Amino acid sequence: MTIKTINHYLLLLFFIASLSLSAQVDKNSDLYKTIISRDSLLFKVGFNTCDINQFETLLTEDFEFFHDEDSISNKKKFLSNIRNGLCASSKTYQLRRDLIAGSTEIYPLYKDKVLYGAIQTGIHKFYRITTDKKETPGSSARFTHLWLLQKGNWKLARGLSYDHQNNNTIANKSVIFDNDAEIENWLKENNVPTLGLGIINDGKLQQIKVFGDLKKGVTAPYNTIFNVASLTKPITAMVTLKLVSLGKWDLDEPLYKYWIDPDVANDPQVKKLTTRHILSHQTGFSNWRWNNTDKKLHFQFEPGTKYQYSGEGFEYLRKALEKKFNKTLDQLAKELIFAPLQMNDTNYIWDKKTDETRFAIGYDPKGNAYETEKRKTANAADDLLTTIEDYGKFLVSVMNGDGLSKKVFDDMKTNQVETKAGKHFGLGLEIYDLGNGETALSHGGADRGAQTIFFILPKTKQGIIIFTNVDDGYKVYEKLLTHYLGNNGKKIIEIETKK
């Protein structure tokens, strides 16, 4: 590769990278239809039927082709490769190229307000067709084409084909996530009123988006307030772990010294219950006491002997913390987390600062709204009010271990008890084993009119936050995880769906 060619390549990549500054054309515009028609001539006629004349007509004389696996070609070499390679008479198979519907974006190029060219980007996939007409999928790739208007004719001047993957990995990624309007349509198809989405990359909250409506005719703002259900528990856990790191609380000290629930006061096992048991869900309590026949709290097994998810455990911890520090949980959280991180829209309770006009009310799958419960006292396990931005700040802090001693941070990420194959609870967070020493830390939330979840990957410094306000909002999780977390997202889904 010559220096001149490298420079051409780098300049083209730089130009493509700057496209976000220009508006893409509407799919109903004449320019869009023109470029798509040229794409069709180039591939449906030229490539798919081996009509070399189409390439000769549609390519500029100084055409250059950049391929991430096959290096660089000028027009002569490119045509030779097509003629003597893909279209050789000795070939026992033929290739067909399909443009992935909805993947194309087209950007106009102007000089002195005169249109002279266009950039086309998209995803295409290839199929191998044998002489007996059997068809098998080949690779998928992203492409970028530079089209120039020369003497009234549109011709392809530069072509880039890159990010080739087998088995249509790229093509199978839903391209809707690159288009806000497509996401809105997808949510309507799935009857999800509001979606909050936060993306963490390189240890920073890089994307905050909210889609859908708060109610008919009212678009959900970027700072929509969600009830995040059990995503409350990680906040309570981090309040506690920060107190442990400050030397003000002990993970393994029996909690009876500070609080004893009247329902278990006469049970000797109460003296065995510790904060570690609560944060790893090994208390022996049911999720909520009202699930029990007598509506009272019971130890169903000895604390620390096995896993059983329990909101009651976190409420038990709240009462012990409040008793020792003579402060409410929301006061402790504001001092240790909300104020330092400037989480100004996050609260355990509804108060005069809660902006109800930004709240995403909950819905059932039929679109019926639930009555909003406005909690006046903190629940350590449920009903936290927050935004994507605030909770994203919190997760970045958790990922970095801010305010935690090394020992406590390591304990938080250490498997305490197995919940299912490939998954354990640490302290306040679930841990997914992704293989090769990589893990994902997570927690989910589910209430009437709320389905929420997050994943953070300490090794790659990635993360995703998903808030929805409908009973079955979980149905959007899989596509979002595989799109934004790739293979790690697929591994998470495999662990979850494994019996």
Protein backbone atom coordinates (compact mmCIF):
# COMPACT_ATOMS: atom_id res chain seq x y z
CA MET A 1 0.00 0.00 0.00
CA THR A 2 1.52 3.32 -1.08
CA ILE A 3 1.64 6.45 1.08
CA LYS A 4 -0.63 8.17 -1.43
CA THR A 5 -3.20 5.38 -1.18
CA ILE A 6 -3.06 5.39 2.60
CA ASN A 7 -3.65 9.13 2.60
CA HIS A 8 -6.65 8.75 0.31
CA TYR A 9 -8.03 6.08 2.62
CA LEU A 10 -7.52 8.13 5.78
CA LEU A 11 -9.04 11.24 4.22
CA LEU A 12 -12.09 9.27 3.17
CA LEU A 13 -12.50 7.78 6.64
CA PHE A 14 -12.14 11.23 8.20
CA PHE A 15 -14.78 12.57 5.85
CA ILE A 16 -17.16 9.73 6.68
CA ALA A 17 -16.63 10.28 10.40
CA SER A 18 -17.78 13.87 9.99
CA LEU A 19 -21.13 12.87 8.50
CA SER A 20 -22.91 13.16 11.83
CA LEU A 21 -22.71 16.93 11.29
CA SER A 22 -24.96 16.70 8.19
CA ALA A 23 -28.58 15.67 7.96
CA GLN A 24 -29.39 12.50 6.10
CA VAL A 25 -32.00 12.80 3.38
CA ASP A 26 -35.57 11.61 3.77
CA LYS A 27 -36.36 8.17 2.37
CA ASN A 28 -39.05 9.71 0.17
CA SER A 29 -36.69 12.26 -1.37
CA ASP A 30 -35.58 12.15 -5.01
CA LEU A 31 -31.92 11.84 -3.96
CA TYR A 32 -32.60 8.82 -1.76
CA LYS A 33 -34.56 7.09 -4.53
CA THR A 34 -31.83 7.91 -7.07
CA ILE A 35 -28.99 6.47 -5.00
CA ILE A 36 -31.01 3.36 -4.13
CA SER A 37 -31.72 2.83 -7.83
CA ARG A 38 -27.97 3.07 -8.61
CA ASP A 39 -27.27 0.64 -5.76
CA SER A 40 -29.78 -1.74 -7.31
CA LEU A 41 -28.16 -1.49 -10.74
CA LEU A 42 -24.73 -2.05 -9.24
CA PHE A 43 -25.65 -5.12 -7.22
CA LYS A 44 -28.98 -6.63 -8.25
CA VAL A 45 -28.00 -6.41 -11.92
CA GLY A 46 -24.22 -6.12 -11.88
CA PHE A 47 -23.07 -8.22 -8.92
CA ASN A 48 -25.90 -10.74 -8.63
CA THR A 49 -26.00 -11.58 -12.36
CA CYS A 50 -22.29 -10.99 -13.11
CA ASP A 51 -23.09 -8.22 -15.61
CA ILE A 52 -19.64 -6.61 -15.76
CA ASN A 53 -20.91 -3.86 -18.06
CA GLN A 54 -22.91 -2.38 -15.18
CA PHE A 55 -19.73 -1.95 -13.14
CA GLU A 56 -17.86 -0.41 -16.05
CA THR A 57 -20.68 2.10 -16.59
CA LEU A 58 -21.36 2.96 -12.94
CA LEU A 59 -17.76 3.32 -11.69
CA THR A 60 -15.69 6.49 -12.13
CA GLU A 61 -12.38 6.14 -13.95
CA ASP A 62 -10.45 6.82 -10.73
CA PHE A 63 -12.64 4.46 -8.67
CA GLU A 64 -11.00 2.96 -5.57
CA PHE A 65 -12.28 0.07 -3.45
CA PHE A 66 -11.20 -0.52 0.15
CA HIS A 67 -11.86 -3.92 1.71
CA ASP A 68 -10.90 -4.83 5.27
CA GLU A 69 -9.84 -8.33 4.22
CA ASP A 70 -8.83 -8.04 0.55
CA SER A 71 -6.85 -4.79 0.67
CA ILE A 72 -7.23 -1.99 -1.91
CA SER A 73 -8.22 -2.04 -5.59
CA ASN A 74 -8.41 0.51 -8.37
CA LYS A 75 -11.03 0.20 -11.11
CA LYS A 76 -8.93 -2.11 -13.31
CA LYS A 77 -8.03 -4.47 -10.48
CA PHE A 78 -11.56 -4.42 -9.08
CA LEU A 79 -13.12 -5.40 -12.42
CA SER A 80 -10.47 -8.08 -12.93
CA ASN A 81 -11.26 -9.57 -9.51
CA ILE A 82 -14.96 -9.63 -10.32
CA ARG A 83 -14.47 -11.08 -13.80
CA ASN A 84 -11.86 -13.71 -12.89
CA GLY A 85 -12.95 -14.42 -9.35
CA LEU A 86 -16.60 -14.12 -8.36
CA CYS A 87 -17.83 -14.40 -11.95
CA ALA A 88 -15.31 -16.91 -13.31
CA SER A 89 -16.90 -19.64 -15.46
CA SER A 90 -15.13 -22.27 -13.37
CA LYS A 91 -16.98 -21.19 -10.21
CA THR A 92 -19.24 -23.89 -8.74
CA TYR A 93 -21.33 -21.31 -6.95
CA GLN A 94 -22.69 -17.80 -7.37
CA LEU A 95 -22.89 -15.00 -4.79
CA ARG A 96 -25.94 -12.87 -4.16
CA ARG A 97 -25.83 -9.59 -2.27
CA ASP A 98 -28.86 -8.24 -0.39
CA LEU A 99 -29.15 -4.77 1.10
CA ILE A 100 -30.52 -4.96 4.65
CA ALA A 101 -33.86 -3.16 4.70
CA GLY A 102 -33.77 0.01 6.78
CA SER A 103 -29.97 0.06 7.12
CA THR A 104 -29.26 2.64 4.41
CA GLU A 105 -28.54 6.25 5.22
CA ILE A 106 -27.77 8.81 2.52
CA TYR A 107 -26.12 12.20 3.07
CA PRO A 108 -26.00 14.90 0.37
CA LEU A 109 -22.76 16.68 -0.54
CA TYR A 110 -22.85 20.32 -1.62
CA LYS A 111 -20.38 22.86 -2.90
CA ASP A 112 -21.57 26.48 -3.09
CA LYS A 113 -25.08 25.14 -2.46
CA VAL A 114 -24.86 22.94 -5.57
CA LEU A 115 -25.33 19.19 -5.12
CA TYR A 116 -22.28 17.30 -6.39
CA GLY A 117 -22.37 13.96 -4.59
CA ALA A 118 -23.74 11.76 -1.84
CA ILE A 119 -22.51 9.39 0.81
CA GLN A 120 -24.38 6.09 1.22
CA THR A 121 -23.89 3.88 4.28
CA GLY A 122 -25.57 0.61 5.15
CA ILE A 123 -25.29 -3.09 5.84
CA HIS A 124 -25.34 -5.83 3.26
CA LYS A 125 -25.30 -9.59 3.49
CA PHE A 126 -24.18 -12.22 1.02
CA TYR A 127 -25.53 -15.65 0.10
CA ARG A 128 -23.76 -18.50 -1.68
CA ILE A 129 -25.89 -20.25 -4.32
CA THR A 130 -24.62 -23.58 -5.68
CA THR A 131 -25.36 -25.00 -9.11
CA ASP A 132 -28.16 -27.11 -7.64
CA LYS A 133 -29.78 -23.87 -6.38
CA LYS A 134 -29.03 -24.52 -2.72
CA GLU A 135 -28.52 -21.29 -0.83
CA THR A 136 -26.44 -20.75 2.30
CA PRO A 137 -25.75 -17.46 4.14
CA GLY A 138 -22.22 -16.09 3.89
CA SER A 139 -20.80 -12.98 5.52
CA SER A 140 -22.34 -9.66 6.45
CA ALA A 141 -20.55 -6.33 6.26
CA ARG A 142 -20.98 -2.62 6.62
CA PHE A 143 -20.33 -0.48 3.58
CA THR A 144 -19.81 3.18 2.71
CA HIS A 145 -20.09 4.47 -0.85
CA LEU A 146 -19.13 7.86 -2.25
CA TRP A 147 -21.33 8.70 -5.25
CA LEU A 148 -20.43 11.66 -7.50
CA LEU A 149 -22.60 13.47 -10.00
CA GLN A 150 -20.54 13.66 -13.22
CA LYS A 151 -22.02 15.31 -16.28
CA GLY A 152 -25.52 14.51 -15.09
CA ASN A 153 -24.77 10.87 -14.26
CA TRP A 154 -24.33 9.34 -10.82
CA LYS A 155 -21.18 7.23 -10.53
CA LEU A 156 -19.49 5.41 -7.69
CA ALA A 157 -16.09 6.95 -6.90
CA ARG A 158 -15.11 5.21 -3.67
CA GLY A 159 -16.32 2.06 -1.97
CA LEU A 160 -15.51 0.76 1.52
CA SER A 161 -16.54 -2.70 2.71
CA TYR A 162 -15.63 -3.46 6.33
CA ASP A 163 -16.52 -5.22 9.58
CA HIS A 164 -17.09 -8.52 7.77
CA GLN A 165 -18.56 -11.21 9.99
CA ASN A 166 -19.72 -14.72 9.26
CA ASN A 167 -23.25 -16.03 9.76
CA ASN A 168 -24.72 -12.57 9.20
CA THR A 169 -23.80 -11.36 12.66
CA ILE A 170 -24.08 -7.74 11.60
CA ALA A 171 -27.18 -8.29 9.51
CA ASN A 172 -28.92 -9.94 12.43
CA LYS A 173 -28.30 -6.91 14.61
CA SER A 174 -31.43 -4.83 14.54
CA VAL A 175 -30.60 -1.68 12.64
CA ILE A 176 -33.48 0.12 14.33
CA PHE A 177 -31.18 1.16 17.16
CA ASP A 178 -29.36 3.55 14.85
CA ASN A 179 -32.58 5.41 14.11
CA ASP A 180 -34.70 7.06 16.80
CA ALA A 181 -37.83 7.04 14.66
CA GLU A 182 -37.46 3.30 14.08
CA ILE A 183 -37.10 2.74 17.82
CA GLU A 184 -40.30 4.70 18.45
CA ASN A 185 -42.12 2.50 15.92
CA TRP A 186 -40.66 -0.65 17.46
CA LEU A 187 -41.89 0.39 20.91
CA LYS A 188 -45.39 1.05 19.56
CA GLU A 189 -45.42 -2.40 17.94
CA ASN A 190 -44.49 -3.92 21.31
CA ASN A 191 -46.91 -1.73 23.32
CA VAL A 192 -44.13 -0.21 25.44
CA PRO A 193 -45.24 3.32 26.38
CA THR A 194 -41.86 4.64 27.57
CA LEU A 195 -38.29 3.35 27.30
CA GLY A 196 -35.35 4.87 29.12
CA LEU A 197 -31.96 3.80 27.78
CA GLY A 198 -28.51 4.55 29.13
CA ILE A 199 -25.27 3.33 27.54
CA ILE A 200 -21.91 3.24 29.33
CA ASN A 201 -18.70 2.97 27.29
CA ASP A 202 -15.10 3.36 28.47
CA GLY A 203 -16.39 3.81 32.01
CA LYS A 204 -18.46 6.89 31.09
CA LEU A 205 -22.17 7.45 30.61
CA GLN A 206 -22.13 8.21 26.89
CA GLN A 207 -25.77 8.01 25.90
CA ILE A 208 -28.99 9.02 27.65
CA LYS A 209 -32.17 8.59 25.65
CA VAL A 210 -35.84 8.31 26.50
CA PHE A 211 -38.39 7.19 23.91
CA GLY A 212 -42.17 7.16 23.79
CA ASP A 213 -44.82 9.20 25.56
CA LEU A 214 -45.67 9.92 29.18
CA LYS A 215 -49.29 10.07 28.08
CA LYS A 216 -51.07 10.62 24.80
CA GLY A 217 -49.62 13.67 23.08
CA VAL A 218 -46.93 14.25 25.72
CA THR A 219 -43.45 13.17 24.60
CA ALA A 220 -41.31 11.68 27.36
CA PRO A 221 -38.37 14.03 28.13
CA TYR A 222 -34.77 12.88 28.45
CA ASN A 223 -35.04 13.39 32.23
CA THR A 224 -38.20 11.32 32.66
CA ILE A 225 -38.60 10.05 36.22
CA PHE A 226 -39.17 6.30 36.53
CA ASN A 227 -40.14 4.06 39.42
CA VAL A 228 -37.35 1.48 39.07
CA ALA A 229 -38.78 -1.16 41.44
CA SER A 230 -36.01 -3.42 42.79
CA LEU A 231 -33.23 -1.34 41.28
CA THR A 232 -33.69 0.35 44.64
CA LYS A 233 -31.75 -2.47 46.30
CA PRO A 234 -28.34 -1.67 44.76
CA ILE A 235 -28.65 1.89 46.11
CA THR A 236 -29.35 0.57 49.61
CA ALA A 237 -26.50 -1.91 49.25
CA MET A 238 -24.03 0.83 48.27
CA VAL A 239 -25.13 3.04 51.17
CA THR A 240 -24.32 0.12 53.44
CA LEU A 241 -21.01 -0.77 51.78
CA LYS A 242 -19.86 2.84 52.00
CA LEU A 243 -20.60 2.79 55.72
CA VAL A 244 -18.60 -0.45 55.99
CA SER A 245 -15.70 1.15 54.11
CA LEU A 246 -15.80 4.10 56.53
CA GLY A 247 -15.50 1.69 59.45
CA LYS A 248 -18.98 2.61 60.73
CA TRP A 249 -20.69 -0.70 59.97
CA ASP A 250 -19.69 -4.36 59.97
CA LEU A 251 -20.77 -6.80 57.27
CA ASP A 252 -20.61 -9.78 59.60
CA GLU A 253 -21.87 -8.31 62.87
CA PRO A 254 -25.24 -9.79 63.94
CA LEU A 255 -28.01 -7.27 63.34
CA TYR A 256 -29.95 -8.10 66.52
CA LYS A 257 -27.68 -5.62 68.31
CA TYR A 258 -29.51 -2.83 66.49
CA TRP A 259 -32.87 -4.22 65.46
CA ILE A 260 -35.09 -7.25 66.07
CA ASP A 261 -38.35 -7.61 64.17
CA PRO A 262 -41.15 -8.50 66.61
CA ASP A 263 -42.26 -11.42 64.42
CA VAL A 264 -38.92 -13.26 64.90
CA ALA A 265 -38.01 -12.01 68.37
CA ASN A 266 -38.34 -15.48 69.90
CA ASP A 267 -36.50 -17.33 67.12
CA PRO A 268 -32.87 -18.11 68.10
CA GLN A 269 -31.82 -17.75 64.45
CA VAL A 270 -32.30 -13.99 64.74
CA LYS A 271 -28.88 -13.81 66.39
CA LYS A 272 -27.24 -15.30 63.29
CA LEU A 273 -28.55 -12.78 60.77
CA THR A 274 -25.89 -10.41 59.33
CA THR A 275 -25.65 -7.71 56.67
CA ARG A 276 -23.72 -10.11 54.41
CA HIS A 277 -26.66 -12.52 54.48
CA ILE A 278 -29.05 -9.72 53.52
CA LEU A 279 -27.00 -8.27 50.66
CA SER A 280 -26.51 -11.75 49.18
CA HIS A 281 -30.11 -12.87 49.80
CA GLN A 282 -29.35 -15.63 52.27
CA THR A 283 -31.57 -14.40 55.12
CA GLY A 284 -34.03 -17.29 55.18
CA PHE A 285 -36.93 -14.82 54.71
CA SER A 286 -39.55 -15.00 51.97
CA ASN A 287 -39.63 -12.08 49.56
CA TRP A 288 -42.41 -10.35 51.54
CA ARG A 289 -44.07 -11.41 54.75
CA TRP A 290 -47.54 -10.91 53.30
CA ASN A 291 -46.78 -13.86 51.01
CA ASN A 292 -46.82 -16.09 54.10
CA THR A 293 -50.09 -17.65 55.24
CA ASP A 294 -50.14 -15.74 58.52
CA LYS A 295 -48.70 -12.55 56.94
CA LYS A 296 -45.84 -12.63 59.45
CA LEU A 297 -42.07 -12.80 59.07
CA HIS A 298 -40.41 -16.21 59.51
CA PHE A 299 -37.01 -17.79 59.06
CA GLN A 300 -37.62 -20.54 56.50
CA PHE A 301 -34.04 -21.78 56.82
CA GLU A 302 -30.89 -20.90 58.74
CA PRO A 303 -29.33 -17.61 57.57
CA GLY A 304 -26.28 -18.09 55.35
CA THR A 305 -27.10 -21.64 54.23
CA LYS A 306 -28.73 -21.01 50.84
CA TYR A 307 -30.18 -18.45 48.45
CA GLN A 308 -33.69 -17.01 48.57
CA TYR A 309 -34.48 -13.57 47.17
CA SER A 310 -35.96 -11.31 49.83
CA GLY A 311 -37.12 -7.72 49.93
CA GLU A 312 -37.86 -8.25 53.63
CA GLY A 313 -34.15 -8.64 54.25
CA PHE A 314 -33.41 -5.18 52.88
CA GLU A 315 -36.19 -3.67 54.97
CA TYR A 316 -34.71 -5.41 58.01
CA LEU A 317 -31.35 -3.81 57.17
CA ARG A 318 -32.97 -0.38 56.76
CA LYS A 319 -34.44 -0.52 60.24
CA ALA A 320 -31.11 -1.58 61.75
CA LEU A 321 -29.24 1.24 59.96
CA GLU A 322 -31.79 3.85 60.96
CA LYS A 323 -31.71 2.66 64.56
CA LYS A 324 -27.92 2.91 64.83
CA PHE A 325 -27.40 6.19 62.96
CA ASN A 326 -30.62 7.89 64.04
CA LYS A 327 -31.23 8.94 60.43
CA THR A 328 -33.67 7.78 57.79
CA LEU A 329 -32.38 5.72 54.88
CA ASP A 330 -33.13 8.52 52.43
CA GLN A 331 -31.06 10.90 54.58
CA LEU A 332 -28.12 8.47 54.58
CA ALA A 333 -28.44 7.97 50.83
CA LYS A 334 -28.45 11.71 50.17
CA GLU A 335 -25.30 12.18 52.25
CA LEU A 336 -23.36 9.22 50.83
CA ILE A 337 -24.60 8.93 47.24
CA PHE A 338 -27.19 11.36 45.90
CA ALA A 339 -25.51 14.65 46.87
CA PRO A 340 -21.89 13.64 46.00
CA LEU A 341 -22.99 12.34 42.58
CA GLN A 342 -25.46 15.18 42.00
CA MET A 343 -28.32 12.74 41.56
CA ASN A 344 -30.83 15.55 41.92
CA ASP A 345 -33.82 13.63 40.57
CA THR A 346 -33.38 10.52 42.74
CA ASN A 347 -35.31 9.83 45.91
CA TYR A 348 -36.76 6.95 47.93
CA ILE A 349 -39.91 8.99 48.56
CA TRP A 350 -42.29 11.44 46.91
CA ASP A 351 -41.75 14.91 48.31
CA LYS A 352 -42.33 18.51 47.26
CA LYS A 353 -39.33 18.36 44.91
CA THR A 354 -40.72 15.44 42.89
CA ASP A 355 -41.74 16.73 39.45
CA GLU A 356 -44.88 14.74 38.72
CA THR A 357 -45.09 16.18 35.19
CA ARG A 358 -41.99 14.14 34.29
CA PHE A 359 -43.09 10.87 35.89
CA ALA A 360 -43.66 7.80 33.71
CA ILE A 361 -46.84 6.27 35.09
CA GLY A 362 -47.09 2.48 34.91
CA TYR A 363 -49.28 0.49 32.51
CA ASP A 364 -50.53 -3.04 32.11
CA PRO A 365 -50.02 -4.84 28.75
CA LYS A 366 -53.44 -3.68 27.55
CA GLY A 367 -52.54 -0.02 27.99
CA ASN A 368 -54.46 0.57 31.20
CA ALA A 369 -52.72 2.93 33.61
CA TYR A 370 -52.08 1.95 37.21
CA GLU A 371 -52.72 4.35 40.04
CA THR A 372 -49.43 5.90 41.12
CA GLU A 373 -48.39 5.12 44.68
CA LYS A 374 -46.68 8.14 46.21
CA ARG A 375 -44.52 6.64 48.94
CA LYS A 376 -43.88 8.93 51.91
CA THR A 377 -41.45 6.65 53.78
CA ALA A 378 -38.44 4.92 52.30
CA ASN A 379 -38.54 1.26 51.34
CA ALA A 380 -35.01 -0.16 51.10
CA ALA A 381 -36.02 -2.69 48.47
CA ASP A 382 -38.52 -0.99 46.19
CA ASP A 383 -40.02 2.12 44.56
CA LEU A 384 -36.93 4.32 44.09
CA LEU A 385 -37.62 7.32 41.85
CA THR A 386 -34.80 8.19 39.45
CA THR A 387 -33.78 9.08 35.89
CA ILE A 388 -31.52 7.36 33.38
CA GLU A 389 -28.88 10.06 33.88
CA ASP A 390 -28.91 9.81 37.68
CA TYR A 391 -28.83 6.03 37.77
CA GLY A 392 -26.12 6.03 35.11
CA LYS A 393 -23.96 8.27 37.31
CA PHE A 394 -24.52 5.82 40.15
CA LEU A 395 -23.50 2.77 38.08
CA VAL A 396 -20.32 4.44 36.81
CA SER A 397 -19.47 5.13 40.46
CA VAL A 398 -20.17 1.49 41.36
CA MET A 399 -18.05 0.27 38.44
CA ASN A 400 -15.13 2.36 39.69
CA GLY A 401 -15.61 1.38 43.34
CA ASP A 402 -15.89 5.04 44.38
CA GLY A 403 -16.03 5.41 48.16
CA LEU A 404 -15.36 1.73 48.78
CA SER A 405 -12.25 0.24 50.33
CA LYS A 406 -10.43 -2.33 48.19
CA LYS A 407 -11.56 -5.16 50.45
CA VAL A 408 -15.21 -4.12 50.35
CA PHE A 409 -15.07 -3.53 46.58
CA ASP A 410 -13.58 -6.99 46.06
CA ASP A 411 -16.19 -8.54 48.38
CA MET A 412 -18.96 -6.85 46.41
CA LYS A 413 -17.76 -8.55 43.20
CA THR A 414 -17.10 -11.94 44.82
CA ASN A 415 -19.57 -14.80 44.46
CA GLN A 416 -21.40 -15.24 47.77
CA VAL A 417 -24.09 -17.74 46.76
CA GLU A 418 -25.12 -19.45 43.51
CA THR A 419 -28.55 -18.50 42.15
CA LYS A 420 -28.40 -20.67 39.00
CA ALA A 421 -25.78 -22.10 36.67
CA GLY A 422 -23.45 -19.28 35.59
CA LYS A 423 -24.91 -16.77 38.02
CA HIS A 424 -24.29 -15.81 41.66
CA PHE A 425 -25.18 -13.04 44.05
CA GLY A 426 -22.33 -10.92 45.34
CA LEU A 427 -23.09 -8.10 47.76
CA GLY A 428 -26.11 -6.26 46.44
CA LEU A 429 -25.50 -7.26 42.81
CA GLU A 430 -25.89 -10.40 40.74
CA ILE A 431 -22.75 -11.68 39.03
CA TYR A 432 -22.86 -13.34 35.59
CA ASP A 433 -19.90 -15.50 34.60
CA LEU A 434 -19.19 -14.65 30.95
CA GLY A 435 -16.06 -16.80 30.69
CA ASN A 436 -12.40 -15.87 30.24
CA GLY A 437 -12.38 -14.09 33.58
CA GLU A 438 -15.08 -11.65 32.46
CA THR A 439 -18.21 -10.92 34.49
CA ALA A 440 -21.31 -8.77 34.33
CA LEU A 441 -22.80 -7.16 37.43
CA SER A 442 -26.54 -6.74 37.33
CA HIS A 443 -29.87 -6.25 39.02
CA GLY A 444 -33.42 -6.28 37.75
CA GLY A 445 -36.66 -4.77 38.93
CA ALA A 446 -40.28 -5.83 38.41
CA ASP A 447 -43.45 -4.28 39.80
CA ARG A 448 -46.87 -3.43 38.45
CA GLY A 449 -46.12 -1.04 35.60
CA ALA A 450 -42.34 -1.30 35.94
CA GLN A 451 -39.72 -3.55 34.32
CA THR A 452 -36.13 -2.38 34.74
CA ILE A 453 -32.66 -3.85 34.52
CA PHE A 454 -28.99 -2.94 34.20
CA PHE A 455 -25.71 -4.66 33.40
CA ILE A 456 -22.21 -3.29 33.95
CA LEU A 457 -19.05 -5.06 32.77
CA PRO A 458 -16.08 -4.10 34.98
CA LYS A 459 -13.45 -5.51 32.62
CA THR A 460 -14.56 -3.73 29.44
CA LYS A 461 -16.06 -0.72 31.28
CA GLN A 462 -19.35 -1.12 29.40
CA GLY A 463 -22.89 -0.96 30.67
CA ILE A 464 -26.53 -0.68 29.75
CA ILE A 465 -29.52 0.64 31.72
CA ILE A 466 -33.06 -0.18 30.61
CA PHE A 467 -36.16 1.35 32.21
CA THR A 468 -39.70 0.57 31.00
CA ASN A 469 -43.09 1.41 32.47
CA VAL A 470 -45.21 -1.60 31.52
CA ASP A 471 -45.71 -5.04 33.08
CA ASP A 472 -44.10 -6.90 30.17
CA GLY A 473 -41.36 -4.40 29.35
CA TYR A 474 -38.86 -7.25 29.65
CA LYS A 475 -39.72 -8.26 26.08
CA VAL A 476 -37.41 -5.51 24.75
CA TYR A 477 -34.39 -6.65 26.78
CA GLU A 478 -32.96 -9.27 24.43
CA LYS A 479 -32.63 -7.06 21.35
CA LEU A 480 -31.16 -4.21 23.37
CA LEU A 481 -28.60 -6.45 25.09
CA THR A 482 -27.41 -8.15 21.92
CA HIS A 483 -27.18 -4.85 20.05
CA TYR A 484 -25.29 -2.88 22.69
CA LEU A 485 -23.30 -5.62 24.44
CA GLY A 486 -22.74 -7.93 21.46
CA ASN A 487 -21.46 -11.39 22.33
CA ASN A 488 -21.49 -10.59 26.04
CA GLY A 489 -25.17 -9.74 25.70
CA LYS A 490 -25.77 -13.10 24.05
CA LYS A 491 -23.92 -14.88 26.87
CA ILE A 492 -26.11 -13.12 29.44
CA ILE A 493 -29.24 -14.26 27.60
CA GLU A 494 -27.91 -17.81 27.36
CA ILE A 495 -27.36 -17.89 31.13
CA GLU A 496 -30.85 -16.52 31.78
CA THR A 497 -32.61 -18.94 29.44
CA LYS A 498 -30.59 -22.00 30.46
CA LYS A 499 -32.65 -24.50 32.45
